[in-house]
Amino acid sequence: MARMPSAERRRQLTEAAIRAMTRDGVAQTTTRSIAAEAGVSLSVFHYCFDSKQALIESVITTLTDHSVTVVKEAIRPRATLEESVRAGFAAYWDHVRAHPDEHMLTYELTQYALRRPGFEHLARRQYELYGDAYAELLDELGRAMGIRLSVPVSVLARYLAAMTDGLTLNYLVLGDAAAWTDILDTVTAHIAGLVSEADTRPR
């Protein structure tokens, strides 16, 4: 087997774990099955991760990065604030529709962590990552477009994370992709109403 940097091996095992957990469920996925999915020995797994807990944290971080990267690439400043916000949410919903099993896995990971003693902090970390990601996006958009918020960044970031979380679960349960154009319009108008373009005129 070709030698591989440990960071790359961890990434390989994390992506293998996502595939296995999506297919078999979090509770049913073992370290042995993840190693088999990645095509490596169990000893390689234990060299990269000292516990299943450490692996799950890596899975949570990677799944969050998947979604955040999509939004970051789409949310670049556009002609208006509304267009920028809509582009970001549209990119996210496209990702949900294209990868529903991956998003469903995030909810299973939350429940698994909350119900398993010693893993509760992973559920907290998962939702902290969501809030941190939104805070970063808001800061970037604010600097690029010159906007101010009517509420603190930390509050709006947590609110957006909760709203996105609820809407995602709603879509996974109910489907109905046709309804999401109207929902996206409502979300865009609502979020745009919480910010305003900064007054940059000389005083």
C-alpha atoms as a PDB file:
ATOM      1  CA  MET A   1       0.000   0.000   0.000  1.00  0.00           C
ATOM      2  CA  ALA A   2       1.375   3.412  -0.965  1.00  0.00           C
ATOM      3  CA  ARG A   3       2.339   5.612   1.947  1.00  0.00           C
ATOM      4  CA  MET A   4       0.167   8.652   2.413  1.00  0.00           C
ATOM      5  CA  PRO A   5       0.498  11.729   4.660  1.00  0.00           C
ATOM      6  CA  SER A   6      -1.485  11.253   7.884  1.00  0.00           C
ATOM      7  CA  ALA A   7      -3.728  14.243   7.159  1.00  0.00           C
ATOM      8  CA  GLU A   8      -4.668  12.788   3.790  1.00  0.00           C
ATOM      9  CA  ARG A   9      -5.254   9.377   5.358  1.00  0.00           C
ATOM     10  CA  ARG A  10      -7.548  10.966   7.947  1.00  0.00           C
ATOM     11  CA  ARG A  11      -9.487  12.666   5.169  1.00  0.00           C
ATOM     12  CA  GLN A  12      -9.776   9.336   3.318  1.00  0.00           C
ATOM     13  CA  LEU A  13     -11.086   7.579   6.431  1.00  0.00           C
ATOM     14  CA  THR A  14     -13.496  10.427   7.210  1.00  0.00           C
ATOM     15  CA  GLU A  15     -15.018  10.306   3.727  1.00  0.00           C
ATOM     16  CA  ALA A  16     -15.234   6.495   3.998  1.00  0.00           C
ATOM     17  CA  ALA A  17     -17.032   6.904   7.330  1.00  0.00           C
ATOM     18  CA  ILE A  18     -19.525   9.308   5.763  1.00  0.00           C
ATOM     19  CA  ARG A  19     -20.312   6.777   3.037  1.00  0.00           C
ATOM     20  CA  ALA A  20     -20.645   3.913   5.517  1.00  0.00           C
ATOM     21  CA  MET A  21     -22.745   5.895   7.990  1.00  0.00           C
ATOM     22  CA  THR A  22     -25.010   7.168   5.241  1.00  0.00           C
ATOM     23  CA  ARG A  23     -25.561   3.620   4.025  1.00  0.00           C
ATOM     24  CA  ASP A  24     -25.687   1.676   7.309  1.00  0.00           C
ATOM     25  CA  GLY A  25     -26.471   4.235  10.019  1.00  0.00           C
ATOM     26  CA  VAL A  26     -24.190   5.738  12.657  1.00  0.00           C
ATOM     27  CA  ALA A  27     -24.782   3.151  15.378  1.00  0.00           C
ATOM     28  CA  GLN A  28     -24.240   0.233  13.003  1.00  0.00           C
ATOM     29  CA  THR A  29     -21.022   1.596  11.515  1.00  0.00           C
ATOM     30  CA  THR A  30     -17.938   0.164  13.204  1.00  0.00           C
ATOM     31  CA  THR A  31     -14.291   1.109  12.997  1.00  0.00           C
ATOM     32  CA  ARG A  32     -13.708  -2.178  11.186  1.00  0.00           C
ATOM     33  CA  SER A  33     -16.360  -1.422   8.563  1.00  0.00           C
ATOM     34  CA  ILE A  34     -14.930   2.064   8.030  1.00  0.00           C
ATOM     35  CA  ALA A  35     -11.448   0.662   7.504  1.00  0.00           C
ATOM     36  CA  ALA A  36     -12.867  -1.832   5.005  1.00  0.00           C
ATOM     37  CA  GLU A  37     -14.755   0.961   3.203  1.00  0.00           C
ATOM     38  CA  ALA A  38     -11.509   2.932   2.921  1.00  0.00           C
ATOM     39  CA  GLY A  39      -9.538  -0.133   1.840  1.00  0.00           C
ATOM     40  CA  VAL A  40      -7.067   0.061   4.727  1.00  0.00           C
ATOM     41  CA  SER A  41      -6.216  -2.127   7.696  1.00  0.00           C
ATOM     42  CA  LEU A  42      -7.768  -1.572  11.105  1.00  0.00           C
ATOM     43  CA  SER A  43      -4.341  -0.653  12.428  1.00  0.00           C
ATOM     44  CA  VAL A  44      -4.227   2.250   9.976  1.00  0.00           C
ATOM     45  CA  PHE A  45      -7.563   3.484  11.319  1.00  0.00           C
ATOM     46  CA  HIS A  46      -6.297   3.400  14.904  1.00  0.00           C
ATOM     47  CA  TYR A  47      -3.104   5.168  13.860  1.00  0.00           C
ATOM     48  CA  CYS A  48      -5.197   8.063  12.486  1.00  0.00           C
ATOM     49  CA  PHE A  49      -7.977   8.151  15.079  1.00  0.00           C
ATOM     50  CA  ASP A  50      -7.646   7.133  18.706  1.00  0.00           C
ATOM     51  CA  SER A  51     -11.401   6.592  19.097  1.00  0.00           C
ATOM     52  CA  LYS A  52     -14.734   6.517  17.283  1.00  0.00           C
ATOM     53  CA  GLN A  53     -15.476   9.760  19.112  1.00  0.00           C
ATOM     54  CA  ALA A  54     -12.559  11.459  17.352  1.00  0.00           C
ATOM     55  CA  LEU A  55     -13.745  10.087  14.017  1.00  0.00           C
ATOM     56  CA  ILE A  56     -17.298  11.371  14.533  1.00  0.00           C
ATOM     57  CA  GLU A  57     -15.951  14.839  15.302  1.00  0.00           C
ATOM     58  CA  SER A  58     -14.024  14.713  12.022  1.00  0.00           C
ATOM     59  CA  VAL A  59     -17.173  13.566  10.191  1.00  0.00           C
ATOM     60  CA  ILE A  60     -19.220  16.428  11.666  1.00  0.00           C
ATOM     61  CA  THR A  61     -16.579  18.992  10.717  1.00  0.00           C
ATOM     62  CA  THR A  62     -16.285  17.603   7.185  1.00  0.00           C
ATOM     63  CA  LEU A  63     -20.042  17.539   6.576  1.00  0.00           C
ATOM     64  CA  THR A  64     -20.302  21.141   7.747  1.00  0.00           C
ATOM     65  CA  ASP A  65     -17.417  22.136   5.477  1.00  0.00           C
ATOM     66  CA  HIS A  66     -19.171  20.513   2.497  1.00  0.00           C
ATOM     67  CA  SER A  67     -22.180  22.806   2.877  1.00  0.00           C
ATOM     68  CA  VAL A  68     -20.263  25.929   3.891  1.00  0.00           C
ATOM     69  CA  THR A  69     -17.911  25.672   0.915  1.00  0.00           C
ATOM     70  CA  VAL A  70     -20.849  25.554  -1.477  1.00  0.00           C
ATOM     71  CA  VAL A  71     -22.406  28.643   0.090  1.00  0.00           C
ATOM     72  CA  LYS A  72     -19.119  30.587   0.231  1.00  0.00           C
ATOM     73  CA  GLU A  73     -18.544  30.020  -3.461  1.00  0.00           C
ATOM     74  CA  ALA A  74     -22.051  31.281  -4.287  1.00  0.00           C
ATOM     75  CA  ILE A  75     -22.432  34.208  -1.904  1.00  0.00           C
ATOM     76  CA  ARG A  76     -19.871  36.521  -3.481  1.00  0.00           C
ATOM     77  CA  PRO A  77     -21.057  40.157  -3.543  1.00  0.00           C
ATOM     78  CA  ARG A  78     -23.600  40.833  -6.274  1.00  0.00           C
ATOM     79  CA  ALA A  79     -25.527  43.875  -7.442  1.00  0.00           C
ATOM     80  CA  THR A  80     -27.774  43.904  -4.385  1.00  0.00           C
ATOM     81  CA  LEU A  81     -27.771  42.412  -0.922  1.00  0.00           C
ATOM     82  CA  GLU A  82     -30.901  40.424  -1.754  1.00  0.00           C
ATOM     83  CA  GLU A  83     -29.188  38.818  -4.749  1.00  0.00           C
ATOM     84  CA  SER A  84     -26.195  37.815  -2.628  1.00  0.00           C
ATOM     85  CA  VAL A  85     -28.363  36.313   0.102  1.00  0.00           C
ATOM     86  CA  ARG A  86     -30.553  34.483  -2.392  1.00  0.00           C
ATOM     87  CA  ALA A  87     -27.528  33.053  -4.213  1.00  0.00           C
ATOM     88  CA  GLY A  88     -26.137  31.657  -0.968  1.00  0.00           C
ATOM     89  CA  PHE A  89     -29.378  30.018   0.110  1.00  0.00           C
ATOM     90  CA  ALA A  90     -30.095  28.739  -3.396  1.00  0.00           C
ATOM     91  CA  ALA A  91     -26.681  27.053  -3.496  1.00  0.00           C
ATOM     92  CA  TYR A  92     -27.347  25.463  -0.120  1.00  0.00           C
ATOM     93  CA  TRP A  93     -30.748  24.114  -1.175  1.00  0.00           C
ATOM     94  CA  ASP A  94     -29.258  22.749  -4.376  1.00  0.00           C
ATOM     95  CA  HIS A  95     -26.776  20.873  -2.194  1.00  0.00           C
ATOM     96  CA  VAL A  96     -29.572  19.514   0.023  1.00  0.00           C
ATOM     97  CA  ARG A  97     -31.508  18.269  -2.996  1.00  0.00           C
ATOM     98  CA  ALA A  98     -28.394  16.733  -4.538  1.00  0.00           C
ATOM     99  CA  HIS A  99     -27.180  15.094  -1.299  1.00  0.00           C
ATOM    100  CA  PRO A 100     -30.224  14.410   0.905  1.00  0.00           C
ATOM    101  CA  ASP A 101     -28.633  11.362   2.538  1.00  0.00           C
ATOM    102  CA  GLU A 102     -25.634  13.410   3.632  1.00  0.00           C
ATOM    103  CA  HIS A 103     -27.869  16.014   5.254  1.00  0.00           C
ATOM    104  CA  MET A 104     -30.014  13.318   6.848  1.00  0.00           C
ATOM    105  CA  LEU A 105     -26.828  11.921   8.365  1.00  0.00           C
ATOM    106  CA  THR A 106     -26.215  15.196  10.194  1.00  0.00           C
ATOM    107  CA  TYR A 107     -29.462  14.748  12.142  1.00  0.00           C
ATOM    108  CA  GLU A 108     -28.636  11.134  12.925  1.00  0.00           C
ATOM    109  CA  LEU A 109     -25.223  12.212  14.223  1.00  0.00           C
ATOM    110  CA  THR A 110     -26.871  14.753  16.516  1.00  0.00           C
ATOM    111  CA  GLN A 111     -29.234  12.172  18.008  1.00  0.00           C
ATOM    112  CA  TYR A 112     -26.474   9.587  18.320  1.00  0.00           C
ATOM    113  CA  ALA A 113     -24.195  12.008  20.163  1.00  0.00           C
ATOM    114  CA  LEU A 114     -26.940  13.237  22.497  1.00  0.00           C
ATOM    115  CA  ARG A 115     -27.984   9.721  23.452  1.00  0.00           C
ATOM    116  CA  ARG A 116     -24.495   8.258  23.955  1.00  0.00           C
ATOM    117  CA  PRO A 117     -22.790   9.103  27.277  1.00  0.00           C
ATOM    118  CA  GLY A 118     -19.515  10.902  26.716  1.00  0.00           C
ATOM    119  CA  PHE A 119     -20.446  12.008  23.190  1.00  0.00           C
ATOM    120  CA  GLU A 120     -22.787  14.880  24.111  1.00  0.00           C
ATOM    121  CA  HIS A 121     -20.124  17.506  23.459  1.00  0.00           C
ATOM    122  CA  LEU A 122     -19.996  16.412  19.813  1.00  0.00           C
ATOM    123  CA  ALA A 123     -23.612  17.487  19.302  1.00  0.00           C
ATOM    124  CA  ARG A 124     -22.760  20.830  20.871  1.00  0.00           C
ATOM    125  CA  ARG A 125     -19.697  21.129  18.652  1.00  0.00           C
ATOM    126  CA  GLN A 126     -21.824  20.356  15.598  1.00  0.00           C
ATOM    127  CA  TYR A 127     -24.159  23.274  16.271  1.00  0.00           C
ATOM    128  CA  GLU A 128     -21.322  25.567  17.265  1.00  0.00           C
ATOM    129  CA  LEU A 129     -19.804  24.895  13.846  1.00  0.00           C
ATOM    130  CA  TYR A 130     -23.065  25.893  12.169  1.00  0.00           C
ATOM    131  CA  GLY A 131     -23.128  29.169  14.084  1.00  0.00           C
ATOM    132  CA  ASP A 132     -19.441  29.849  13.458  1.00  0.00           C
ATOM    133  CA  ALA A 133     -19.906  29.243   9.737  1.00  0.00           C
ATOM    134  CA  TYR A 134     -22.751  31.742   9.515  1.00  0.00           C
ATOM    135  CA  ALA A 135     -20.843  34.309  11.573  1.00  0.00           C
ATOM    136  CA  GLU A 136     -17.914  34.028   9.166  1.00  0.00           C
ATOM    137  CA  LEU A 137     -20.179  34.381   6.129  1.00  0.00           C
ATOM    138  CA  LEU A 138     -21.901  37.424   7.646  1.00  0.00           C
ATOM    139  CA  ASP A 139     -18.548  39.063   8.401  1.00  0.00           C
ATOM    140  CA  GLU A 140     -17.288  38.438   4.874  1.00  0.00           C
ATOM    141  CA  LEU A 141     -20.475  39.750   3.286  1.00  0.00           C
ATOM    142  CA  GLY A 142     -20.490  42.754   5.581  1.00  0.00           C
ATOM    143  CA  ARG A 143     -16.935  43.723   4.690  1.00  0.00           C
ATOM    144  CA  ALA A 144     -17.477  43.187   0.974  1.00  0.00           C
ATOM    145  CA  MET A 145     -20.803  45.014   0.658  1.00  0.00           C
ATOM    146  CA  GLY A 146     -20.653  47.524   3.485  1.00  0.00           C
ATOM    147  CA  ILE A 147     -23.666  46.468   5.515  1.00  0.00           C
ATOM    148  CA  ARG A 148     -24.674  46.764   9.145  1.00  0.00           C
ATOM    149  CA  LEU A 149     -26.848  44.390  11.120  1.00  0.00           C
ATOM    150  CA  SER A 150     -29.869  45.228  13.240  1.00  0.00           C
ATOM    151  CA  VAL A 151     -28.847  42.463  15.668  1.00  0.00           C
ATOM    152  CA  PRO A 152     -25.396  41.230  16.846  1.00  0.00           C
ATOM    153  CA  VAL A 153     -23.573  38.886  14.475  1.00  0.00           C
ATOM    154  CA  SER A 154     -23.536  36.093  17.056  1.00  0.00           C
ATOM    155  CA  VAL A 155     -27.311  36.300  17.518  1.00  0.00           C
ATOM    156  CA  LEU A 156     -28.099  36.419  13.801  1.00  0.00           C
ATOM    157  CA  ALA A 157     -25.648  33.600  13.076  1.00  0.00           C
ATOM    158  CA  ARG A 158     -27.304  31.328  15.630  1.00  0.00           C
ATOM    159  CA  TYR A 159     -30.745  32.298  14.359  1.00  0.00           C
ATOM    160  CA  LEU A 160     -29.793  31.529  10.745  1.00  0.00           C
ATOM    161  CA  ALA A 161     -28.316  28.188  11.788  1.00  0.00           C
ATOM    162  CA  ALA A 162     -31.535  27.252  13.604  1.00  0.00           C
ATOM    163  CA  MET A 163     -33.725  28.388  10.716  1.00  0.00           C
ATOM    164  CA  THR A 164     -31.671  26.521   8.132  1.00  0.00           C
ATOM    165  CA  ASP A 165     -31.633  23.440  10.324  1.00  0.00           C
ATOM    166  CA  GLY A 166     -35.421  23.455  10.633  1.00  0.00           C
ATOM    167  CA  LEU A 167     -36.060  24.119   6.950  1.00  0.00           C
ATOM    168  CA  THR A 168     -33.650  21.369   5.941  1.00  0.00           C
ATOM    169  CA  LEU A 169     -35.387  18.816   8.126  1.00  0.00           C
ATOM    170  CA  ASN A 170     -38.749  20.016   6.814  1.00  0.00           C
ATOM    171  CA  TYR A 171     -37.583  19.392   3.248  1.00  0.00           C
ATOM    172  CA  LEU A 172     -36.125  15.975   4.070  1.00  0.00           C
ATOM    173  CA  VAL A 173     -39.429  14.917   5.616  1.00  0.00           C
ATOM    174  CA  LEU A 174     -41.917  16.537   3.226  1.00  0.00           C
ATOM    175  CA  GLY A 175     -39.978  16.916  -0.009  1.00  0.00           C
ATOM    176  CA  ASP A 176     -42.026  19.090  -2.391  1.00  0.00           C
ATOM    177  CA  ALA A 177     -39.176  20.778  -4.237  1.00  0.00           C
ATOM    178  CA  ALA A 178     -41.655  22.951  -6.152  1.00  0.00           C
ATOM    179  CA  ALA A 179     -42.559  24.820  -2.955  1.00  0.00           C
ATOM    180  CA  TRP A 180     -38.994  25.916  -2.325  1.00  0.00           C
ATOM    181  CA  THR A 181     -38.968  28.805  -4.778  1.00  0.00           C
ATOM    182  CA  ASP A 182     -41.569  30.620  -2.683  1.00  0.00           C
ATOM    183  CA  ILE A 183     -39.824  29.595   0.537  1.00  0.00           C
ATOM    184  CA  LEU A 184     -36.509  30.892  -0.804  1.00  0.00           C
ATOM    185  CA  ASP A 185     -38.142  34.215  -1.693  1.00  0.00           C
ATOM    186  CA  THR A 186     -39.547  34.485   1.838  1.00  0.00           C
ATOM    187  CA  VAL A 187     -36.215  33.630   3.474  1.00  0.00           C
ATOM    188  CA  THR A 188     -34.317  36.095   1.273  1.00  0.00           C
ATOM    189  CA  ALA A 189     -36.704  38.954   2.022  1.00  0.00           C
ATOM    190  CA  HIS A 190     -36.661  38.167   5.733  1.00  0.00           C
ATOM    191  CA  ILE A 191     -32.877  38.044   6.042  1.00  0.00           C
ATOM    192  CA  ALA A 192     -32.394  41.143   3.898  1.00  0.00           C
ATOM    193  CA  GLY A 193     -34.744  42.940   6.263  1.00  0.00           C
ATOM    194  CA  LEU A 194     -32.380  42.296   9.163  1.00  0.00           C
ATOM    195  CA  VAL A 195     -29.497  44.132   7.528  1.00  0.00           C
ATOM    196  CA  SER A 196     -29.062  47.391   5.726  1.00  0.00           C
ATOM    197  CA  GLU A 197     -26.427  48.967   3.541  1.00  0.00           C
ATOM    198  CA  ALA A 198     -24.046  51.037   5.618  1.00  0.00           C
ATOM    199  CA  ASP A 199     -24.129  54.774   5.139  1.00  0.00           C
ATOM    200  CA  THR A 200     -20.745  55.555   3.655  1.00  0.00           C
ATOM    201  CA  ARG A 201     -21.430  59.204   2.829  1.00  0.00           C
ATOM    202  CA  PRO A 202     -18.926  61.717   4.258  1.00  0.00           C
ATOM    203  CA  ARG A 203     -20.126  63.559   7.351  1.00  0.00           C
END
